[in-house]
ModelCIF file with pLDDT and N, C-alpha, C, O atoms, coordinates in Angstrom:
data_MODEL
#
_entry.id   MODEL 
#
_entity.id                         1 
_entity.type                       polymer 
_entity.pdbx_number_of_molecules   1 
#
_entity_poly.entity_id                      1 
_entity_poly.type                           'polypeptide(L)' 
_entity_poly.nstd_linkage                   no 
_entity_poly.nstd_monomer                   no 
_entity_poly.pdbx_seq_one_letter_code       MAAWRGIVAPKGIPAEARDKLSTALKKIAAS 
_entity_poly.pdbx_seq_one_letter_code_can   MAAWRGIVAPKGIPAEARDKLSTALKKIAAS 
_entity_poly.pdbx_strand_id                 A 
#
loop_
_entity_poly_seq.entity_id 
_entity_poly_seq.num 
_entity_poly_seq.mon_id 
_entity_poly_seq.hetero 
1 1  MET n 
1 2  ALA n 
1 3  ALA n 
1 4  TRP n 
1 5  ARG n 
1 6  GLY n 
1 7  ILE n 
1 8  VAL n 
1 9  ALA n 
1 10 PRO n 
1 11 LYS n 
1 12 GLY n 
1 13 ILE n 
1 14 PRO n 
1 15 ALA n 
1 16 GLU n 
1 17 ALA n 
1 18 ARG n 
1 19 ASP n 
1 20 LYS n 
1 21 LEU n 
1 22 SER n 
1 23 THR n 
1 24 ALA n 
1 25 LEU n 
1 26 LYS n 
1 27 LYS n 
1 28 ILE n 
1 29 ALA n 
1 30 ALA n 
1 31 SER n 
#
_struct_asym.id          A 
_struct_asym.entity_id   1 
#
loop_
_ma_qa_metric.id 
_ma_qa_metric.mode 
_ma_qa_metric.name 
_ma_qa_metric.software_group_id 
_ma_qa_metric.type 
1 global pLDDT . pLDDT 
2 local  pLDDT . pLDDT 
#
_ma_qa_metric_global.metric_id      1 
_ma_qa_metric_global.metric_value   96.90 
_ma_qa_metric_global.model_id       1 
_ma_qa_metric_global.ordinal_id     1 
#
loop_
_ma_qa_metric_local.label_asym_id 
_ma_qa_metric_local.label_comp_id 
_ma_qa_metric_local.label_seq_id 
_ma_qa_metric_local.metric_id 
_ma_qa_metric_local.metric_value 
_ma_qa_metric_local.model_id 
_ma_qa_metric_local.ordinal_id 
A MET 1  2 91.00 1 1  
A ALA 2  2 91.00 1 2  
A ALA 3  2 91.00 1 3  
A TRP 4  2 95.00 1 4  
A ARG 5  2 96.00 1 5  
A GLY 6  2 98.00 1 6  
A ILE 7  2 98.00 1 7  
A VAL 8  2 98.00 1 8  
A ALA 9  2 98.00 1 9  
A PRO 10 2 98.00 1 10 
A LYS 11 2 98.00 1 11 
A GLY 12 2 97.00 1 12 
A ILE 13 2 98.00 1 13 
A PRO 14 2 97.00 1 14 
A ALA 15 2 97.00 1 15 
A GLU 16 2 97.00 1 16 
A ALA 17 2 98.00 1 17 
A ARG 18 2 98.00 1 18 
A ASP 19 2 97.00 1 19 
A LYS 20 2 98.00 1 20 
A LEU 21 2 98.00 1 21 
A SER 22 2 98.00 1 22 
A THR 23 2 98.00 1 23 
A ALA 24 2 98.00 1 24 
A LEU 25 2 98.00 1 25 
A LYS 26 2 98.00 1 26 
A LYS 27 2 98.00 1 27 
A ILE 28 2 98.00 1 28 
A ALA 29 2 97.00 1 29 
A ALA 30 2 97.00 1 30 
A SER 31 2 97.00 1 31 
#
loop_
_atom_site.group_PDB 
_atom_site.id 
_atom_site.type_symbol 
_atom_site.label_atom_id 
_atom_site.label_alt_id 
_atom_site.label_comp_id 
_atom_site.label_asym_id 
_atom_site.label_entity_id 
_atom_site.label_seq_id 
_atom_site.pdbx_PDB_ins_code 
_atom_site.Cartn_x 
_atom_site.Cartn_y 
_atom_site.Cartn_z 
_atom_site.occupancy 
_atom_site.B_iso_or_equiv 
_atom_site.pdbx_formal_charge 
_atom_site.auth_seq_id 
_atom_site.auth_comp_id 
_atom_site.auth_asym_id 
_atom_site.auth_atom_id 
_atom_site.pdbx_PDB_model_num 
ATOM 1   N N  . MET A 1 1  ? -14.129 -7.229 25.737 1.00 91.00 ? 1  MET A N  1 
ATOM 2   C CA . MET A 1 1  ? -15.320 -6.294 25.903 1.00 91.00 ? 1  MET A CA 1 
ATOM 3   C C  . MET A 1 1  ? -14.645 -4.974 26.083 1.00 91.00 ? 1  MET A C  1 
ATOM 4   O O  . MET A 1 1  ? -13.536 -4.845 26.601 1.00 91.00 ? 1  MET A O  1 
ATOM 5   N N  . ALA A 1 2  ? -15.711 -3.572 25.419 1.00 91.00 ? 2  ALA A N  1 
ATOM 6   C CA . ALA A 1 2  ? -14.641 -3.004 25.545 1.00 91.00 ? 2  ALA A CA 1 
ATOM 7   C C  . ALA A 1 2  ? -16.087 -1.933 25.392 1.00 91.00 ? 2  ALA A C  1 
ATOM 8   O O  . ALA A 1 2  ? -17.131 -1.991 24.742 1.00 91.00 ? 2  ALA A O  1 
ATOM 9   N N  . ALA A 1 3  ? -15.323 -0.707 26.635 1.00 91.00 ? 3  ALA A N  1 
ATOM 10  C CA . ALA A 1 3  ? -16.703 0.654  26.545 1.00 91.00 ? 3  ALA A CA 1 
ATOM 11  C C  . ALA A 1 3  ? -16.092 1.299  24.861 1.00 91.00 ? 3  ALA A C  1 
ATOM 12  O O  . ALA A 1 3  ? -14.902 1.547  24.665 1.00 91.00 ? 3  ALA A O  1 
ATOM 13  N N  . TRP A 1 4  ? -16.856 1.425  24.115 1.00 95.00 ? 4  TRP A N  1 
ATOM 14  C CA . TRP A 1 4  ? -16.882 2.305  23.133 1.00 95.00 ? 4  TRP A CA 1 
ATOM 15  C C  . TRP A 1 4  ? -16.782 3.518  22.748 1.00 95.00 ? 4  TRP A C  1 
ATOM 16  O O  . TRP A 1 4  ? -16.029 3.893  23.647 1.00 95.00 ? 4  TRP A O  1 
ATOM 17  N N  . ARG A 1 5  ? -16.973 4.587  22.015 1.00 96.00 ? 5  ARG A N  1 
ATOM 18  C CA . ARG A 1 5  ? -16.795 6.058  21.432 1.00 96.00 ? 5  ARG A CA 1 
ATOM 19  C C  . ARG A 1 5  ? -17.002 6.339  20.193 1.00 96.00 ? 5  ARG A C  1 
ATOM 20  O O  . ARG A 1 5  ? -16.085 6.089  19.410 1.00 96.00 ? 5  ARG A O  1 
ATOM 21  N N  . GLY A 1 6  ? -18.335 6.969  19.644 1.00 98.00 ? 6  GLY A N  1 
ATOM 22  C CA . GLY A 1 6  ? -17.335 7.496  18.273 1.00 98.00 ? 6  GLY A CA 1 
ATOM 23  C C  . GLY A 1 6  ? -18.064 8.362  17.992 1.00 98.00 ? 6  GLY A C  1 
ATOM 24  O O  . GLY A 1 6  ? -18.744 8.676  18.969 1.00 98.00 ? 6  GLY A O  1 
ATOM 25  N N  . ILE A 1 7  ? -18.472 9.435  16.352 1.00 98.00 ? 7  ILE A N  1 
ATOM 26  C CA . ILE A 1 7  ? -18.903 10.221 16.364 1.00 98.00 ? 7  ILE A CA 1 
ATOM 27  C C  . ILE A 1 7  ? -19.865 9.509  15.125 1.00 98.00 ? 7  ILE A C  1 
ATOM 28  O O  . ILE A 1 7  ? -19.227 8.722  14.427 1.00 98.00 ? 7  ILE A O  1 
ATOM 29  N N  . VAL A 1 8  ? -21.114 9.656  14.810 1.00 98.00 ? 8  VAL A N  1 
ATOM 30  C CA . VAL A 1 8  ? -22.073 9.682  14.132 1.00 98.00 ? 8  VAL A CA 1 
ATOM 31  C C  . VAL A 1 8  ? -22.770 10.816 14.168 1.00 98.00 ? 8  VAL A C  1 
ATOM 32  O O  . VAL A 1 8  ? -22.704 11.810 14.892 1.00 98.00 ? 8  VAL A O  1 
ATOM 33  N N  . ALA A 1 9  ? -23.887 10.313 12.692 1.00 98.00 ? 9  ALA A N  1 
ATOM 34  C CA . ALA A 1 9  ? -25.073 12.261 12.788 1.00 98.00 ? 9  ALA A CA 1 
ATOM 35  C C  . ALA A 1 9  ? -26.050 11.094 12.050 1.00 98.00 ? 9  ALA A C  1 
ATOM 36  O O  . ALA A 1 9  ? -26.129 9.912  11.713 1.00 98.00 ? 9  ALA A O  1 
ATOM 37  N N  . PRO A 1 10 ? -26.663 12.282 12.075 1.00 98.00 ? 10 PRO A N  1 
ATOM 38  C CA . PRO A 1 10 ? -28.131 11.332 11.619 1.00 98.00 ? 10 PRO A CA 1 
ATOM 39  C C  . PRO A 1 10 ? -27.909 10.774 10.526 1.00 98.00 ? 10 PRO A C  1 
ATOM 40  O O  . PRO A 1 10 ? -26.880 11.023 9.898  1.00 98.00 ? 10 PRO A O  1 
ATOM 41  N N  . LYS A 1 11 ? -28.931 9.819  10.041 1.00 98.00 ? 11 LYS A N  1 
ATOM 42  C CA . LYS A 1 11 ? -29.246 9.200  9.187  1.00 98.00 ? 11 LYS A CA 1 
ATOM 43  C C  . LYS A 1 11 ? -29.619 9.874  7.282  1.00 98.00 ? 11 LYS A C  1 
ATOM 44  O O  . LYS A 1 11 ? -30.707 10.313 6.908  1.00 98.00 ? 11 LYS A O  1 
ATOM 45  N N  . GLY A 1 12 ? -28.987 9.809  6.854  1.00 97.00 ? 12 GLY A N  1 
ATOM 46  C CA . GLY A 1 12 ? -28.701 10.799 5.553  1.00 97.00 ? 12 GLY A CA 1 
ATOM 47  C C  . GLY A 1 12 ? -28.359 11.608 5.392  1.00 97.00 ? 12 GLY A C  1 
ATOM 48  O O  . GLY A 1 12 ? -28.882 12.360 4.570  1.00 97.00 ? 12 GLY A O  1 
ATOM 49  N N  . ILE A 1 13 ? -26.821 12.070 6.369  1.00 98.00 ? 13 ILE A N  1 
ATOM 50  C CA . ILE A 1 13 ? -26.531 13.618 5.712  1.00 98.00 ? 13 ILE A CA 1 
ATOM 51  C C  . ILE A 1 13 ? -25.977 13.871 4.198  1.00 98.00 ? 13 ILE A C  1 
ATOM 52  O O  . ILE A 1 13 ? -25.895 13.123 3.224  1.00 98.00 ? 13 ILE A O  1 
ATOM 53  N N  . PRO A 1 14 ? -25.662 15.122 4.391  1.00 97.00 ? 14 PRO A N  1 
ATOM 54  C CA . PRO A 1 14 ? -25.371 15.098 2.356  1.00 97.00 ? 14 PRO A CA 1 
ATOM 55  C C  . PRO A 1 14 ? -23.742 14.492 2.078  1.00 97.00 ? 14 PRO A C  1 
ATOM 56  O O  . PRO A 1 14 ? -23.051 14.552 3.095  1.00 97.00 ? 14 PRO A O  1 
ATOM 57  N N  . ALA A 1 15 ? -23.014 13.902 0.808  1.00 97.00 ? 15 ALA A N  1 
ATOM 58  C CA . ALA A 1 15 ? -22.280 13.210 1.184  1.00 97.00 ? 15 ALA A CA 1 
ATOM 59  C C  . ALA A 1 15 ? -20.796 14.258 1.545  1.00 97.00 ? 15 ALA A C  1 
ATOM 60  O O  . ALA A 1 15 ? -19.704 13.960 2.030  1.00 97.00 ? 15 ALA A O  1 
ATOM 61  N N  . GLU A 1 16 ? -21.363 15.566 1.057  1.00 97.00 ? 16 GLU A N  1 
ATOM 62  C CA . GLU A 1 16 ? -19.863 15.930 0.850  1.00 97.00 ? 16 GLU A CA 1 
ATOM 63  C C  . GLU A 1 16 ? -19.343 16.571 2.516  1.00 97.00 ? 16 GLU A C  1 
ATOM 64  O O  . GLU A 1 16 ? -18.239 16.951 2.905  1.00 97.00 ? 16 GLU A O  1 
ATOM 65  N N  . ALA A 1 17 ? -21.446 16.423 3.629  1.00 98.00 ? 17 ALA A N  1 
ATOM 66  C CA . ALA A 1 17 ? -20.490 16.423 5.153  1.00 98.00 ? 17 ALA A CA 1 
ATOM 67  C C  . ALA A 1 17 ? -20.215 15.418 5.491  1.00 98.00 ? 17 ALA A C  1 
ATOM 68  O O  . ALA A 1 17 ? -19.866 15.584 6.659  1.00 98.00 ? 17 ALA A O  1 
ATOM 69  N N  . ARG A 1 18 ? -20.103 14.155 5.195  1.00 98.00 ? 18 ARG A N  1 
ATOM 70  C CA . ARG A 1 18 ? -20.310 13.018 5.795  1.00 98.00 ? 18 ARG A CA 1 
ATOM 71  C C  . ARG A 1 18 ? -18.513 13.018 5.402  1.00 98.00 ? 18 ARG A C  1 
ATOM 72  O O  . ARG A 1 18 ? -17.618 12.939 6.244  1.00 98.00 ? 18 ARG A O  1 
ATOM 73  N N  . ASP A 1 19 ? -18.347 13.121 4.043  1.00 97.00 ? 19 ASP A N  1 
ATOM 74  C CA . ASP A 1 19 ? -16.884 12.975 3.369  1.00 97.00 ? 19 ASP A CA 1 
ATOM 75  C C  . ASP A 1 19 ? -16.068 13.769 4.816  1.00 97.00 ? 19 ASP A C  1 
ATOM 76  O O  . ASP A 1 19 ? -15.244 13.393 5.650  1.00 97.00 ? 19 ASP A O  1 
ATOM 77  N N  . LYS A 1 20 ? -16.823 15.050 4.545  1.00 98.00 ? 20 LYS A N  1 
ATOM 78  C CA . LYS A 1 20 ? -15.279 15.766 5.274  1.00 98.00 ? 20 LYS A CA 1 
ATOM 79  C C  . LYS A 1 20 ? -15.190 15.676 6.793  1.00 98.00 ? 20 LYS A C  1 
ATOM 80  O O  . LYS A 1 20 ? -14.146 15.954 7.384  1.00 98.00 ? 20 LYS A O  1 
ATOM 81  N N  . LEU A 1 21 ? -16.276 15.293 7.405  1.00 98.00 ? 21 LEU A N  1 
ATOM 82  C CA . LEU A 1 21 ? -16.569 14.680 8.776  1.00 98.00 ? 21 LEU A CA 1 
ATOM 83  C C  . LEU A 1 21 ? -15.789 13.746 8.395  1.00 98.00 ? 21 LEU A C  1 
ATOM 84  O O  . LEU A 1 21 ? -14.872 14.342 7.830  1.00 98.00 ? 21 LEU A O  1 
ATOM 85  N N  . SER A 1 22 ? -15.587 12.658 8.354  1.00 98.00 ? 22 SER A N  1 
ATOM 86  C CA . SER A 1 22 ? -14.752 11.733 8.355  1.00 98.00 ? 22 SER A CA 1 
ATOM 87  C C  . SER A 1 22 ? -13.569 11.846 8.035  1.00 98.00 ? 22 SER A C  1 
ATOM 88  O O  . SER A 1 22 ? -12.802 11.433 8.905  1.00 98.00 ? 22 SER A O  1 
ATOM 89  N N  . THR A 1 23 ? -13.018 12.306 6.982  1.00 98.00 ? 23 THR A N  1 
ATOM 90  C CA . THR A 1 23 ? -11.865 12.375 6.742  1.00 98.00 ? 23 THR A CA 1 
ATOM 91  C C  . THR A 1 23 ? -11.363 13.613 8.358  1.00 98.00 ? 23 THR A C  1 
ATOM 92  O O  . THR A 1 23 ? -10.395 13.405 9.089  1.00 98.00 ? 23 THR A O  1 
ATOM 93  N N  . ALA A 1 24 ? -12.247 14.668 8.486  1.00 98.00 ? 24 ALA A N  1 
ATOM 94  C CA . ALA A 1 24 ? -11.307 14.770 9.670  1.00 98.00 ? 24 ALA A CA 1 
ATOM 95  C C  . ALA A 1 24 ? -11.245 14.459 11.088 1.00 98.00 ? 24 ALA A C  1 
ATOM 96  O O  . ALA A 1 24 ? -10.776 15.048 12.061 1.00 98.00 ? 24 ALA A O  1 
ATOM 97  N N  . LEU A 1 25 ? -11.801 13.460 10.933 1.00 98.00 ? 25 LEU A N  1 
ATOM 98  C CA . LEU A 1 25 ? -11.674 12.197 12.388 1.00 98.00 ? 25 LEU A CA 1 
ATOM 99  C C  . LEU A 1 25 ? -10.748 11.694 12.257 1.00 98.00 ? 25 LEU A C  1 
ATOM 100 O O  . LEU A 1 25 ? -10.046 11.859 13.255 1.00 98.00 ? 25 LEU A O  1 
ATOM 101 N N  . LYS A 1 26 ? -10.205 11.006 11.391 1.00 98.00 ? 26 LYS A N  1 
ATOM 102 C CA . LYS A 1 26 ? -9.276  10.605 10.697 1.00 98.00 ? 26 LYS A CA 1 
ATOM 103 C C  . LYS A 1 26 ? -7.698  10.931 11.197 1.00 98.00 ? 26 LYS A C  1 
ATOM 104 O O  . LYS A 1 26 ? -6.766  10.235 11.599 1.00 98.00 ? 26 LYS A O  1 
ATOM 105 N N  . LYS A 1 27 ? -7.920  12.458 10.938 1.00 98.00 ? 27 LYS A N  1 
ATOM 106 C CA . LYS A 1 27 ? -6.450  13.195 11.202 1.00 98.00 ? 27 LYS A CA 1 
ATOM 107 C C  . LYS A 1 27 ? -6.493  13.756 12.448 1.00 98.00 ? 27 LYS A C  1 
ATOM 108 O O  . LYS A 1 27 ? -5.453  14.144 12.980 1.00 98.00 ? 27 LYS A O  1 
ATOM 109 N N  . ILE A 1 28 ? -8.182  13.905 13.301 1.00 98.00 ? 28 ILE A N  1 
ATOM 110 C CA . ILE A 1 28 ? -7.364  14.326 14.729 1.00 98.00 ? 28 ILE A CA 1 
ATOM 111 C C  . ILE A 1 28 ? -7.330  12.875 15.203 1.00 98.00 ? 28 ILE A C  1 
ATOM 112 O O  . ILE A 1 28 ? -6.672  12.989 16.237 1.00 98.00 ? 28 ILE A O  1 
ATOM 113 N N  . ALA A 1 29 ? -7.584  11.794 15.103 1.00 97.00 ? 29 ALA A N  1 
ATOM 114 C CA . ALA A 1 29 ? -6.939  10.233 15.466 1.00 97.00 ? 29 ALA A CA 1 
ATOM 115 C C  . ALA A 1 29 ? -5.646  10.587 15.675 1.00 97.00 ? 29 ALA A C  1 
ATOM 116 O O  . ALA A 1 29 ? -5.143  10.577 16.799 1.00 97.00 ? 29 ALA A O  1 
ATOM 117 N N  . ALA A 1 30 ? -5.049  10.908 14.664 1.00 97.00 ? 30 ALA A N  1 
ATOM 118 C CA . ALA A 1 30 ? -3.782  10.469 14.374 1.00 97.00 ? 30 ALA A CA 1 
ATOM 119 C C  . ALA A 1 30 ? -3.459  11.525 15.146 1.00 97.00 ? 30 ALA A C  1 
ATOM 120 O O  . ALA A 1 30 ? -3.134  11.035 16.228 1.00 97.00 ? 30 ALA A O  1 
ATOM 121 N N  . SER A 1 31 ? -3.363  12.728 15.203 1.00 97.00 ? 31 SER A N  1 
ATOM 122 C CA . SER A 1 31 ? -2.499  13.981 15.691 1.00 97.00 ? 31 SER A CA 1 
ATOM 123 C C  . SER A 1 31 ? -1.875  13.620 17.120 1.00 97.00 ? 31 SER A C  1 
ATOM 124 O O  . SER A 1 31 ? -1.163  14.435 17.706 1.00 97.00 ? 31 SER A O  1 
#
């Protein structure tokens, strides 16, 4: 059991925004 946190957006955001944000977050998590 853990308290977790993650970044989300409203349902149905444009694919361009979703992909850019998720790619950036992956890079941040590894930084």
